[in-house]
C-alpha atoms as a PDB file:
ATOM      1  CA  UNK A   1      15.841 -73.409  45.349  1.00  0.00           C
ATOM      2  CA  UNK A   2      19.345 -74.371  46.093  1.00  0.00           C
ATOM      3  CA  UNK A   3      22.006 -71.885  47.111  1.00  0.00           C
ATOM      4  CA  UNK A   4      23.620 -72.042  43.633  1.00  0.00           C
ATOM      5  CA  UNK A   5      20.268 -71.349  41.939  1.00  0.00           C
ATOM      6  CA  UNK A   6      19.719 -68.368  44.269  1.00  0.00           C
ATOM      7  CA  UNK A   7      23.165 -66.984  43.407  1.00  0.00           C
ATOM      8  CA  UNK A   8      22.548 -67.424  39.698  1.00  0.00           C
ATOM      9  CA  UNK A   9      19.178 -65.741  39.980  1.00  0.00           C
ATOM     10  CA  UNK A  10      20.735 -62.836  41.902  1.00  0.00           C
ATOM     11  CA  UNK A  11      23.448 -62.471  39.217  1.00  0.00           C
ATOM     12  CA  UNK A  12      20.859 -62.467  36.430  1.00  0.00           C
ATOM     13  CA  UNK A  13      18.882 -59.774  38.255  1.00  0.00           C
ATOM     14  CA  UNK A  14      22.010 -57.661  38.652  1.00  0.00           C
ATOM     15  CA  UNK A  15      22.854 -58.151  35.009  1.00  0.00           C
ATOM     16  CA  UNK A  16      19.455 -56.894  33.933  1.00  0.00           C
ATOM     17  CA  UNK A  17      19.851 -53.774  36.084  1.00  0.00           C
ATOM     18  CA  UNK A  18      23.330 -53.184  34.819  1.00  0.00           C
ATOM     19  CA  UNK A  19      22.181 -53.489  31.233  1.00  0.00           C
ATOM     20  CA  UNK A  20      19.432 -50.974  31.941  1.00  0.00           C
ATOM     21  CA  UNK A  21      21.889 -48.612  33.565  1.00  0.00           C
ATOM     22  CA  UNK A  22      24.360 -48.917  30.679  1.00  0.00           C
ATOM     23  CA  UNK A  23      21.636 -48.194  28.131  1.00  0.00           C
ATOM     24  CA  UNK A  24      20.491 -45.182  30.139  1.00  0.00           C
ATOM     25  CA  UNK A  25      24.100 -43.868  30.383  1.00  0.00           C
ATOM     26  CA  UNK A  26      24.605 -44.405  26.687  1.00  0.00           C
ATOM     27  CA  UNK A  27      21.552 -42.341  25.856  1.00  0.00           C
ATOM     28  CA  UNK A  28      22.689 -39.589  28.209  1.00  0.00           C
ATOM     29  CA  UNK A  29      26.121 -39.496  26.652  1.00  0.00           C
ATOM     30  CA  UNK A  30      24.610 -39.384  23.121  1.00  0.00           C
ATOM     31  CA  UNK A  31      22.350 -36.492  24.125  1.00  0.00           C
ATOM     32  CA  UNK A  32      25.253 -34.581  25.672  1.00  0.00           C
ATOM     33  CA  UNK A  33      27.395 -35.113  22.590  1.00  0.00           C
ATOM     34  CA  UNK A  34      24.611 -33.623  20.420  1.00  0.00           C
ATOM     35  CA  UNK A  35      24.257 -30.701  22.805  1.00  0.00           C
ATOM     36  CA  UNK A  36      28.006 -30.100  22.809  1.00  0.00           C
ATOM     37  CA  UNK A  37      28.058 -30.061  19.037  1.00  0.00           C
ATOM     38  CA  UNK A  38      25.173 -27.606  18.952  1.00  0.00           C
ATOM     39  CA  UNK A  39      27.033 -25.335  21.385  1.00  0.00           C
ATOM     40  CA  UNK A  40      30.250 -25.632  19.408  1.00  0.00           C
ATOM     41  CA  UNK A  41      28.477 -24.462  16.282  1.00  0.00           C
ATOM     42  CA  UNK A  42      26.922 -21.568  18.180  1.00  0.00           C
ATOM     43  CA  UNK A  43      30.314 -20.501  19.470  1.00  0.00           C
ATOM     44  CA  UNK A  44      31.747 -20.637  15.928  1.00  0.00           C
ATOM     45  CA  UNK A  45      28.946 -18.379  14.704  1.00  0.00           C
ATOM     46  CA  UNK A  46      29.498 -15.932  17.560  1.00  0.00           C
ATOM     47  CA  UNK A  47      33.227 -15.854  16.933  1.00  0.00           C
ATOM     48  CA  UNK A  48      32.643 -15.109  13.233  1.00  0.00           C
ATOM     49  CA  UNK A  49      30.234 -12.351  14.118  1.00  0.00           C
ATOM     50  CA  UNK A  50      32.658 -10.886  16.617  1.00  0.00           C
ATOM     51  CA  UNK A  51      35.514 -10.947  14.033  1.00  0.00           C
ATOM     52  CA  UNK A  52      33.228  -9.360  11.408  1.00  0.00           C
ATOM     53  CA  UNK A  53      32.174  -6.657  13.926  1.00  0.00           C
ATOM     54  CA  UNK A  54      35.793  -6.029  14.949  1.00  0.00           C
ATOM     55  CA  UNK A  55      36.925  -5.627  11.341  1.00  0.00           C
ATOM     56  CA  UNK A  56      34.112  -3.207  10.628  1.00  0.00           C
ATOM     57  CA  UNK A  57      34.962  -0.870  13.490  1.00  0.00           C
ATOM     58  CA  UNK A  58      37.330   2.006  12.776  1.00  0.00           C
ATOM     59  CA  UNK A  59      40.869   1.490  14.069  1.00  0.00           C
ATOM     60  CA  UNK A  60      41.820   3.530  17.150  1.00  0.00           C
ATOM     61  CA  UNK A  61      45.350   4.958  17.170  1.00  0.00           C
ATOM     62  CA  UNK A  62      45.408   4.691  20.974  1.00  0.00           C
ATOM     63  CA  UNK A  63      45.543   0.914  20.767  1.00  0.00           C
ATOM     64  CA  UNK A  64      48.745   0.950  18.738  1.00  0.00           C
ATOM     65  CA  UNK A  65      52.134   1.249  20.440  1.00  0.00           C
ATOM     66  CA  UNK A  66      54.129   4.427  19.887  1.00  0.00           C
ATOM     67  CA  UNK A  67      56.489   4.441  16.910  1.00  0.00           C
ATOM     68  CA  UNK A  68      59.629   4.034  19.027  1.00  0.00           C
ATOM     69  CA  UNK A  69      58.626   0.482  20.038  1.00  0.00           C
END
């Protein structure tokens, strides 16, 4: 093989590895996006539960500032 053919072959090999790496990274990013969406929904559910619980608790007069404020 000539030097030019060797260089082209090396570039083709690198391209194949880069394509594989890009595909792997794309799949990883997609999986992370799905996991983040799942966690976001879980946080929303917990926030609603906390708000519901807080509204169902009796109010405590110690938490309110004195009337002269």
